[in-house]
Amino acid sequence: MMQCDKKIVNRLKRAEGQMRGIQKMMEEGQDCYDMMIQLSAVRSSVDKIMGIMAAQNLKNCLEHPDSDPKIQDEKVARAMQMIERK
């Protein structure tokens, strides 16, 4: 299991704040174009978080291999899947 990285948590909090801002924009009836720009920023932020987490997971798999080669192969395969989905 990956340890919670403070930088990732901060990025998630920032994205959460952006989402709250978008909700407020909707409630206030602001322009759709402006909200779409903000949604695009949130999506980019979440994509970045996913990339960082996937890279950290793969690094962890390689730096701390499992003693069972089959389990290690499965862990690396899962880490690669995370990167591919990103």
PDB file of N, CA and C in Angstrom:
ATOM      1  N   MET A   1       0.846  -1.193   0.000  1.00  0.00           N
ATOM      2  CA  MET A   1       0.000   0.000   0.000  1.00  0.00           C
ATOM      3  C   MET A   1       0.883   1.244   0.000  1.00  0.00           C
ATOM      4  N   MET A   2       0.496   2.204  -0.808  1.00  0.00           N
ATOM      5  CA  MET A   2       1.281   3.423  -0.947  1.00  0.00           C
ATOM      6  C   MET A   2       1.004   4.372   0.216  1.00  0.00           C
ATOM      7  N   GLN A   3       2.070   4.970   0.719  1.00  0.00           N
ATOM      8  CA  GLN A   3       1.894   5.961   1.775  1.00  0.00           C
ATOM      9  C   GLN A   3       1.290   7.228   1.174  1.00  0.00           C
ATOM     10  N   CYS A   4       0.541   7.923   1.988  1.00  0.00           N
ATOM     11  CA  CYS A   4      -0.105   9.153   1.552  1.00  0.00           C
ATOM     12  C   CYS A   4       0.936  10.270   1.463  1.00  0.00           C
ATOM     13  N   ASP A   5       1.144  10.764   0.273  1.00  0.00           N
ATOM     14  CA  ASP A   5       2.115  11.827   0.033  1.00  0.00           C
ATOM     15  C   ASP A   5       1.438  13.176   0.285  1.00  0.00           C
ATOM     16  N   LYS A   6       2.058  14.007   1.107  1.00  0.00           N
ATOM     17  CA  LYS A   6       1.474  15.297   1.470  1.00  0.00           C
ATOM     18  C   LYS A   6       1.247  16.176   0.236  1.00  0.00           C
ATOM     19  N   LYS A   7       2.146  16.100  -0.745  1.00  0.00           N
ATOM     20  CA  LYS A   7       1.984  16.895  -1.960  1.00  0.00           C
ATOM     21  C   LYS A   7       0.740  16.470  -2.734  1.00  0.00           C
ATOM     22  N   ILE A   8       0.480  15.166  -2.764  1.00  0.00           N
ATOM     23  CA  ILE A   8      -0.713  14.674  -3.458  1.00  0.00           C
ATOM     24  C   ILE A   8      -1.966  15.133  -2.723  1.00  0.00           C
ATOM     25  N   VAL A   9      -1.951  15.030  -1.410  1.00  0.00           N
ATOM     26  CA  VAL A   9      -3.105  15.475  -0.617  1.00  0.00           C
ATOM     27  C   VAL A   9      -3.365  16.959  -0.867  1.00  0.00           C
ATOM     28  N   ASN A  10      -2.317  17.761  -0.915  1.00  0.00           N
ATOM     29  CA  ASN A  10      -2.484  19.192  -1.182  1.00  0.00           C
ATOM     30  C   ASN A  10      -3.071  19.426  -2.568  1.00  0.00           C
ATOM     31  N   ARG A  11      -2.619  18.663  -3.556  1.00  0.00           N
ATOM     32  CA  ARG A  11      -3.177  18.788  -4.908  1.00  0.00           C
ATOM     33  C   ARG A  11      -4.661  18.413  -4.918  1.00  0.00           C
ATOM     34  N   LEU A  12      -5.008  17.349  -4.183  1.00  0.00           N
ATOM     35  CA  LEU A  12      -6.410  16.942  -4.100  1.00  0.00           C
ATOM     36  C   LEU A  12      -7.260  18.018  -3.431  1.00  0.00           C
ATOM     37  N   LYS A  13      -6.733  18.623  -2.387  1.00  0.00           N
ATOM     38  CA  LYS A  13      -7.469  19.693  -1.713  1.00  0.00           C
ATOM     39  C   LYS A  13      -7.671  20.885  -2.640  1.00  0.00           C
ATOM     40  N   ARG A  14      -6.653  21.184  -3.438  1.00  0.00           N
ATOM     41  CA  ARG A  14      -6.762  22.286  -4.389  1.00  0.00           C
ATOM     42  C   ARG A  14      -7.845  21.986  -5.429  1.00  0.00           C
ATOM     43  N   ALA A  15      -7.862  20.744  -5.936  1.00  0.00           N
ATOM     44  CA  ALA A  15      -8.886  20.350  -6.906  1.00  0.00           C
ATOM     45  C   ALA A  15     -10.275  20.400  -6.273  1.00  0.00           C
ATOM     46  N   GLU A  16     -10.351  19.987  -5.016  1.00  0.00           N
ATOM     47  CA  GLU A  16     -11.623  20.046  -4.293  1.00  0.00           C
ATOM     48  C   GLU A  16     -12.103  21.497  -4.184  1.00  0.00           C
ATOM     49  N   GLY A  17     -11.192  22.396  -3.886  1.00  0.00           N
ATOM     50  CA  GLY A  17     -11.542  23.813  -3.809  1.00  0.00           C
ATOM     51  C   GLY A  17     -12.006  24.356  -5.148  1.00  0.00           C
ATOM     52  N   GLN A  18     -11.344  23.918  -6.214  1.00  0.00           N
ATOM     53  CA  GLN A  18     -11.764  24.339  -7.551  1.00  0.00           C
ATOM     54  C   GLN A  18     -13.180  23.848  -7.837  1.00  0.00           C
ATOM     55  N   MET A  19     -13.485  22.613  -7.449  1.00  0.00           N
ATOM     56  CA  MET A  19     -14.824  22.071  -7.680  1.00  0.00           C
ATOM     57  C   MET A  19     -15.877  22.854  -6.898  1.00  0.00           C
ATOM     58  N   ARG A  20     -15.546  23.222  -5.673  1.00  0.00           N
ATOM     59  CA  ARG A  20     -16.490  24.040  -4.896  1.00  0.00           C
ATOM     60  C   ARG A  20     -16.719  25.383  -5.577  1.00  0.00           C
ATOM     61  N   GLY A  21     -15.650  25.932  -6.120  1.00  0.00           N
ATOM     62  CA  GLY A  21     -15.776  27.191  -6.843  1.00  0.00           C
ATOM     63  C   GLY A  21     -16.683  27.055  -8.053  1.00  0.00           C
ATOM     64  N   ILE A  22     -16.576  25.944  -8.748  1.00  0.00           N
ATOM     65  CA  ILE A  22     -17.430  25.703  -9.918  1.00  0.00           C
ATOM     66  C   ILE A  22     -18.883  25.551  -9.483  1.00  0.00           C
ATOM     67  N   GLN A  23     -19.108  24.852  -8.379  1.00  0.00           N
ATOM     68  CA  GLN A  23     -20.471  24.720  -7.861  1.00  0.00           C
ATOM     69  C   GLN A  23     -21.064  26.095  -7.552  1.00  0.00           C
ATOM     70  N   LYS A  24     -20.262  26.946  -6.956  1.00  0.00           N
ATOM     71  CA  LYS A  24     -20.722  28.298  -6.635  1.00  0.00           C
ATOM     72  C   LYS A  24     -21.030  29.068  -7.917  1.00  0.00           C
ATOM     73  N   MET A  25     -20.174  28.911  -8.922  1.00  0.00           N
ATOM     74  CA  MET A  25     -20.414  29.572 -10.205  1.00  0.00           C
ATOM     75  C   MET A  25     -21.755  29.129 -10.788  1.00  0.00           C
ATOM     76  N   MET A  26     -22.048  27.827 -10.675  1.00  0.00           N
ATOM     77  CA  MET A  26     -23.318  27.305 -11.194  1.00  0.00           C
ATOM     78  C   MET A  26     -24.498  27.893 -10.434  1.00  0.00           C
ATOM     79  N   GLU A  27     -24.369  27.918  -9.112  1.00  0.00           N
ATOM     80  CA  GLU A  27     -25.447  28.457  -8.284  1.00  0.00           C
ATOM     81  C   GLU A  27     -25.705  29.926  -8.592  1.00  0.00           C
ATOM     82  N   GLU A  28     -24.646  30.642  -8.948  1.00  0.00           N
ATOM     83  CA  GLU A  28     -24.776  32.062  -9.263  1.00  0.00           C
ATOM     84  C   GLU A  28     -25.171  32.300 -10.715  1.00  0.00           C
ATOM     85  N   GLY A  29     -25.276  31.224 -11.489  1.00  0.00           N
ATOM     86  CA  GLY A  29     -25.680  31.350 -12.885  1.00  0.00           C
ATOM     87  C   GLY A  29     -24.628  31.987 -13.774  1.00  0.00           C
ATOM     88  N   GLN A  30     -23.374  31.762 -13.474  1.00  0.00           N
ATOM     89  CA  GLN A  30     -22.306  32.355 -14.280  1.00  0.00           C
ATOM     90  C   GLN A  30     -22.220  31.683 -15.649  1.00  0.00           C
ATOM     91  N   ASP A  31     -21.444  32.292 -16.504  1.00  0.00           N
ATOM     92  CA  ASP A  31     -21.309  31.871 -17.892  1.00  0.00           C
ATOM     93  C   ASP A  31     -20.784  30.436 -18.001  1.00  0.00           C
ATOM     94  N   CYS A  32     -21.412  29.655 -18.868  1.00  0.00           N
ATOM     95  CA  CYS A  32     -21.042  28.261 -19.086  1.00  0.00           C
ATOM     96  C   CYS A  32     -19.588  28.140 -19.554  1.00  0.00           C
ATOM     97  N   TYR A  33     -19.159  29.041 -20.421  1.00  0.00           N
ATOM     98  CA  TYR A  33     -17.792  29.001 -20.946  1.00  0.00           C
ATOM     99  C   TYR A  33     -16.774  29.113 -19.812  1.00  0.00           C
ATOM    100  N   ASP A  34     -17.019  30.024 -18.890  1.00  0.00           N
ATOM    101  CA  ASP A  34     -16.109  30.197 -17.755  1.00  0.00           C
ATOM    102  C   ASP A  34     -16.065  28.944 -16.876  1.00  0.00           C
ATOM    103  N   MET A  35     -17.224  28.317 -16.695  1.00  0.00           N
ATOM    104  CA  MET A  35     -17.259  27.090 -15.899  1.00  0.00           C
ATOM    105  C   MET A  35     -16.512  25.963 -16.609  1.00  0.00           C
ATOM    106  N   MET A  36     -16.636  25.894 -17.924  1.00  0.00           N
ATOM    107  CA  MET A  36     -15.933  24.859 -18.684  1.00  0.00           C
ATOM    108  C   MET A  36     -14.419  25.035 -18.578  1.00  0.00           C
ATOM    109  N   ILE A  37     -13.969  26.261 -18.569  1.00  0.00           N
ATOM    110  CA  ILE A  37     -12.532  26.520 -18.394  1.00  0.00           C
ATOM    111  C   ILE A  37     -12.079  25.992 -17.034  1.00  0.00           C
ATOM    112  N   GLN A  38     -12.870  26.262 -16.012  1.00  0.00           N
ATOM    113  CA  GLN A  38     -12.524  25.788 -14.670  1.00  0.00           C
ATOM    114  C   GLN A  38     -12.580  24.261 -14.580  1.00  0.00           C
ATOM    115  N   LEU A  39     -13.576  23.655 -15.223  1.00  0.00           N
ATOM    116  CA  LEU A  39     -13.663  22.194 -15.237  1.00  0.00           C
ATOM    117  C   LEU A  39     -12.460  21.576 -15.944  1.00  0.00           C
ATOM    118  N   SER A  40     -12.020  22.215 -17.005  1.00  0.00           N
ATOM    119  CA  SER A  40     -10.834  21.741 -17.717  1.00  0.00           C
ATOM    120  C   SER A  40      -9.603  21.801 -16.818  1.00  0.00           C
ATOM    121  N   ALA A  41      -9.510  22.849 -16.025  1.00  0.00           N
ATOM    122  CA  ALA A  41      -8.391  22.983 -15.090  1.00  0.00           C
ATOM    123  C   ALA A  41      -8.428  21.875 -14.040  1.00  0.00           C
ATOM    124  N   VAL A  42      -9.624  21.549 -13.552  1.00  0.00           N
ATOM    125  CA  VAL A  42      -9.763  20.474 -12.566  1.00  0.00           C
ATOM    126  C   VAL A  42      -9.362  19.140 -13.191  1.00  0.00           C
ATOM    127  N   ARG A  43      -9.815  18.908 -14.408  1.00  0.00           N
ATOM    128  CA  ARG A  43      -9.469  17.654 -15.086  1.00  0.00           C
ATOM    129  C   ARG A  43      -7.958  17.528 -15.244  1.00  0.00           C
ATOM    130  N   SER A  44      -7.310  18.608 -15.652  1.00  0.00           N
ATOM    131  CA  SER A  44      -5.850  18.592 -15.795  1.00  0.00           C
ATOM    132  C   SER A  44      -5.173  18.309 -14.461  1.00  0.00           C
ATOM    133  N   SER A  45      -5.696  18.909 -13.419  1.00  0.00           N
ATOM    134  CA  SER A  45      -5.144  18.710 -12.081  1.00  0.00           C
ATOM    135  C   SER A  45      -5.266  17.251 -11.648  1.00  0.00           C
ATOM    136  N   VAL A  46      -6.433  16.667 -11.862  1.00  0.00           N
ATOM    137  CA  VAL A  46      -6.656  15.272 -11.483  1.00  0.00           C
ATOM    138  C   VAL A  46      -5.785  14.344 -12.332  1.00  0.00           C
ATOM    139  N   ASP A  47      -5.648  14.644 -13.625  1.00  0.00           N
ATOM    140  CA  ASP A  47      -4.761  13.848 -14.483  1.00  0.00           C
ATOM    141  C   ASP A  47      -3.330  13.869 -13.959  1.00  0.00           C
ATOM    142  N   LYS A  48      -2.880  15.024 -13.524  1.00  0.00           N
ATOM    143  CA  LYS A  48      -1.526  15.159 -12.977  1.00  0.00           C
ATOM    144  C   LYS A  48      -1.383  14.323 -11.703  1.00  0.00           C
ATOM    145  N   ILE A  49      -2.385  14.383 -10.839  1.00  0.00           N
ATOM    146  CA  ILE A  49      -2.371  13.599  -9.603  1.00  0.00           C
ATOM    147  C   ILE A  49      -2.291  12.111  -9.930  1.00  0.00           C
ATOM    148  N   MET A  50      -3.086  11.669 -10.896  1.00  0.00           N
ATOM    149  CA  MET A  50      -3.074  10.262 -11.282  1.00  0.00           C
ATOM    150  C   MET A  50      -1.700   9.850 -11.800  1.00  0.00           C
ATOM    151  N   GLY A  51      -1.073  10.703 -12.591  1.00  0.00           N
ATOM    152  CA  GLY A  51       0.256  10.408 -13.113  1.00  0.00           C
ATOM    153  C   GLY A  51       1.292  10.290 -12.010  1.00  0.00           C
ATOM    154  N   ILE A  52       1.234  11.202 -11.070  1.00  0.00           N
ATOM    155  CA  ILE A  52       2.176  11.173  -9.942  1.00  0.00           C
ATOM    156  C   ILE A  52       1.982   9.901  -9.121  1.00  0.00           C
ATOM    157  N   MET A  53       0.724   9.567  -8.831  1.00  0.00           N
ATOM    158  CA  MET A  53       0.450   8.372  -8.033  1.00  0.00           C
ATOM    159  C   MET A  53       0.897   7.105  -8.755  1.00  0.00           C
ATOM    160  N   ALA A  54       0.632   7.026 -10.050  1.00  0.00           N
ATOM    161  CA  ALA A  54       1.033   5.848 -10.822  1.00  0.00           C
ATOM    162  C   ALA A  54       2.549   5.705 -10.841  1.00  0.00           C
ATOM    163  N   ALA A  55       3.245   6.814 -11.030  1.00  0.00           N
ATOM    164  CA  ALA A  55       4.711   6.780 -11.052  1.00  0.00           C
ATOM    165  C   ALA A  55       5.269   6.374  -9.690  1.00  0.00           C
ATOM    166  N   GLN A  56       4.696   6.918  -8.627  1.00  0.00           N
ATOM    167  CA  GLN A  56       5.156   6.560  -7.285  1.00  0.00           C
ATOM    168  C   GLN A  56       4.900   5.085  -6.992  1.00  0.00           C
ATOM    169  N   ASN A  57       3.758   4.584  -7.438  1.00  0.00           N
ATOM    170  CA  ASN A  57       3.431   3.179  -7.220  1.00  0.00           C
ATOM    171  C   ASN A  57       4.430   2.275  -7.944  1.00  0.00           C
ATOM    172  N   LEU A  58       4.740   2.593  -9.192  1.00  0.00           N
ATOM    173  CA  LEU A  58       5.702   1.797  -9.948  1.00  0.00           C
ATOM    174  C   LEU A  58       7.083   1.858  -9.295  1.00  0.00           C
ATOM    175  N   LYS A  59       7.485   3.046  -8.885  1.00  0.00           N
ATOM    176  CA  LYS A  59       8.777   3.213  -8.211  1.00  0.00           C
ATOM    177  C   LYS A  59       8.832   2.356  -6.949  1.00  0.00           C
ATOM    178  N   ASN A  60       7.758   2.373  -6.183  1.00  0.00           N
ATOM    179  CA  ASN A  60       7.688   1.574  -4.959  1.00  0.00           C
ATOM    180  C   ASN A  60       7.792   0.078  -5.273  1.00  0.00           C
ATOM    181  N   CYS A  61       7.118  -0.360  -6.332  1.00  0.00           N
ATOM    182  CA  CYS A  61       7.180  -1.773  -6.727  1.00  0.00           C
ATOM    183  C   CYS A  61       8.601  -2.190  -7.080  1.00  0.00           C
ATOM    184  N   LEU A  62       9.321  -1.302  -7.739  1.00  0.00           N
ATOM    185  CA  LEU A  62      10.676  -1.629  -8.170  1.00  0.00           C
ATOM    186  C   LEU A  62      11.692  -1.520  -7.036  1.00  0.00           C
ATOM    187  N   GLU A  63      11.500  -0.567  -6.147  1.00  0.00           N
ATOM    188  CA  GLU A  63      12.438  -0.376  -5.040  1.00  0.00           C
ATOM    189  C   GLU A  63      12.238  -1.377  -3.908  1.00  0.00           C
ATOM    190  N   HIS A  64      11.016  -1.895  -3.780  1.00  0.00           N
ATOM    191  CA  HIS A  64      10.700  -2.835  -2.700  1.00  0.00           C
ATOM    192  C   HIS A  64      10.029  -4.076  -3.291  1.00  0.00           C
ATOM    193  N   PRO A  65      10.797  -4.877  -4.009  1.00  0.00           N
ATOM    194  CA  PRO A  65      10.202  -6.043  -4.672  1.00  0.00           C
ATOM    195  C   PRO A  65       9.710  -7.092  -3.676  1.00  0.00           C
ATOM    196  N   ASP A  66       8.679  -7.801  -4.090  1.00  0.00           N
ATOM    197  CA  ASP A  66       8.146  -8.896  -3.286  1.00  0.00           C
ATOM    198  C   ASP A  66       9.088 -10.093  -3.416  1.00  0.00           C
ATOM    199  N   SER A  67       9.187 -10.879  -2.366  1.00  0.00           N
ATOM    200  CA  SER A  67      10.079 -12.045  -2.400  1.00  0.00           C
ATOM    201  C   SER A  67       9.568 -13.127  -3.353  1.00  0.00           C
ATOM    202  N   ASP A  68       8.263 -13.135  -3.599  1.00  0.00           N
ATOM    203  CA  ASP A  68       7.673 -14.091  -4.541  1.00  0.00           C
ATOM    204  C   ASP A  68       7.653 -13.459  -5.935  1.00  0.00           C
ATOM    205  N   PRO A  69       8.413 -14.002  -6.886  1.00  0.00           N
ATOM    206  CA  PRO A  69       8.487 -13.402  -8.226  1.00  0.00           C
ATOM    207  C   PRO A  69       7.127 -13.263  -8.910  1.00  0.00           C
ATOM    208  N   LYS A  70       6.227 -14.214  -8.678  1.00  0.00           N
ATOM    209  CA  LYS A  70       4.902 -14.144  -9.298  1.00  0.00           C
ATOM    210  C   LYS A  70       4.122 -12.941  -8.763  1.00  0.00           C
ATOM    211  N   ILE A  71       4.157 -12.754  -7.460  1.00  0.00           N
ATOM    212  CA  ILE A  71       3.471 -11.606  -6.854  1.00  0.00           C
ATOM    213  C   ILE A  71       4.110 -10.305  -7.327  1.00  0.00           C
ATOM    214  N   GLN A  72       5.436 -10.285  -7.415  1.00  0.00           N
ATOM    215  CA  GLN A  72       6.132  -9.092  -7.899  1.00  0.00           C
ATOM    216  C   GLN A  72       5.698  -8.763  -9.324  1.00  0.00           C
ATOM    217  N   ASP A  73       5.625  -9.776 -10.183  1.00  0.00           N
ATOM    218  CA  ASP A  73       5.183  -9.555 -11.563  1.00  0.00           C
ATOM    219  C   ASP A  73       3.772  -8.982 -11.596  1.00  0.00           C
ATOM    220  N   GLU A  74       2.897  -9.489 -10.727  1.00  0.00           N
ATOM    221  CA  GLU A  74       1.521  -8.988 -10.663  1.00  0.00           C
ATOM    222  C   GLU A  74       1.491  -7.529 -10.212  1.00  0.00           C
ATOM    223  N   LYS A  75       2.330  -7.199  -9.227  1.00  0.00           N
ATOM    224  CA  LYS A  75       2.387  -5.812  -8.742  1.00  0.00           C
ATOM    225  C   LYS A  75       2.869  -4.865  -9.837  1.00  0.00           C
ATOM    226  N   VAL A  76       3.898  -5.267 -10.556  1.00  0.00           N
ATOM    227  CA  VAL A  76       4.422  -4.427 -11.639  1.00  0.00           C
ATOM    228  C   VAL A  76       3.381  -4.304 -12.750  1.00  0.00           C
ATOM    229  N   ALA A  77       2.695  -5.403 -13.073  1.00  0.00           N
ATOM    230  CA  ALA A  77       1.654  -5.359 -14.108  1.00  0.00           C
ATOM    231  C   ALA A  77       0.538  -4.396 -13.709  1.00  0.00           C
ATOM    232  N   ARG A  78       0.131  -4.434 -12.440  1.00  0.00           N
ATOM    233  CA  ARG A  78      -0.904  -3.498 -11.957  1.00  0.00           C
ATOM    234  C   ARG A  78      -0.426  -2.055 -12.048  1.00  0.00           C
ATOM    235  N   ALA A  79       0.835  -1.835 -11.680  1.00  0.00           N
ATOM    236  CA  ALA A  79       1.393  -0.484 -11.757  1.00  0.00           C
ATOM    237  C   ALA A  79       1.401   0.000 -13.202  1.00  0.00           C
ATOM    238  N   MET A  80       1.745  -0.879 -14.125  1.00  0.00           N
ATOM    239  CA  MET A  80       1.753  -0.508 -15.543  1.00  0.00           C
ATOM    240  C   MET A  80       0.337  -0.193 -16.026  1.00  0.00           C
ATOM    241  N   GLN A  81      -0.642  -0.956 -15.557  1.00  0.00           N
ATOM    242  CA  GLN A  81      -2.031  -0.687 -15.922  1.00  0.00           C
ATOM    243  C   GLN A  81      -2.463   0.692 -15.442  1.00  0.00           C
ATOM    244  N   MET A  82      -2.013   1.070 -14.258  1.00  0.00           N
ATOM    245  CA  MET A  82      -2.349   2.400 -13.737  1.00  0.00           C
ATOM    246  C   MET A  82      -1.813   3.484 -14.665  1.00  0.00           C
ATOM    247  N   ILE A  83      -0.601   3.282 -15.152  1.00  0.00           N
ATOM    248  CA  ILE A  83       0.010   4.268 -16.047  1.00  0.00           C
ATOM    249  C   ILE A  83      -0.732   4.300 -17.377  1.00  0.00           C
ATOM    250  N   GLU A  84      -1.091   3.130 -17.897  1.00  0.00           N
ATOM    251  CA  GLU A  84      -1.793   3.063 -19.174  1.00  0.00           C
ATOM    252  C   GLU A  84      -3.160   3.725 -19.104  1.00  0.00           C
ATOM    253  N   ARG A  85      -3.853   3.589 -17.993  1.00  0.00           N
ATOM    254  CA  ARG A  85      -5.183   4.189 -17.837  1.00  0.00           C
ATOM    255  C   ARG A  85      -5.113   5.703 -17.754  1.00  0.00           C
ATOM    256  N   LYS A  86      -4.028   6.195 -17.241  1.00  0.00           N
ATOM    257  CA  LYS A  86      -3.860   7.627 -17.067  1.00  0.00           C
ATOM    258  C   LYS A  86      -3.950   8.266 -18.415  1.00  0.00           C
TER     259      LYS A  86
END
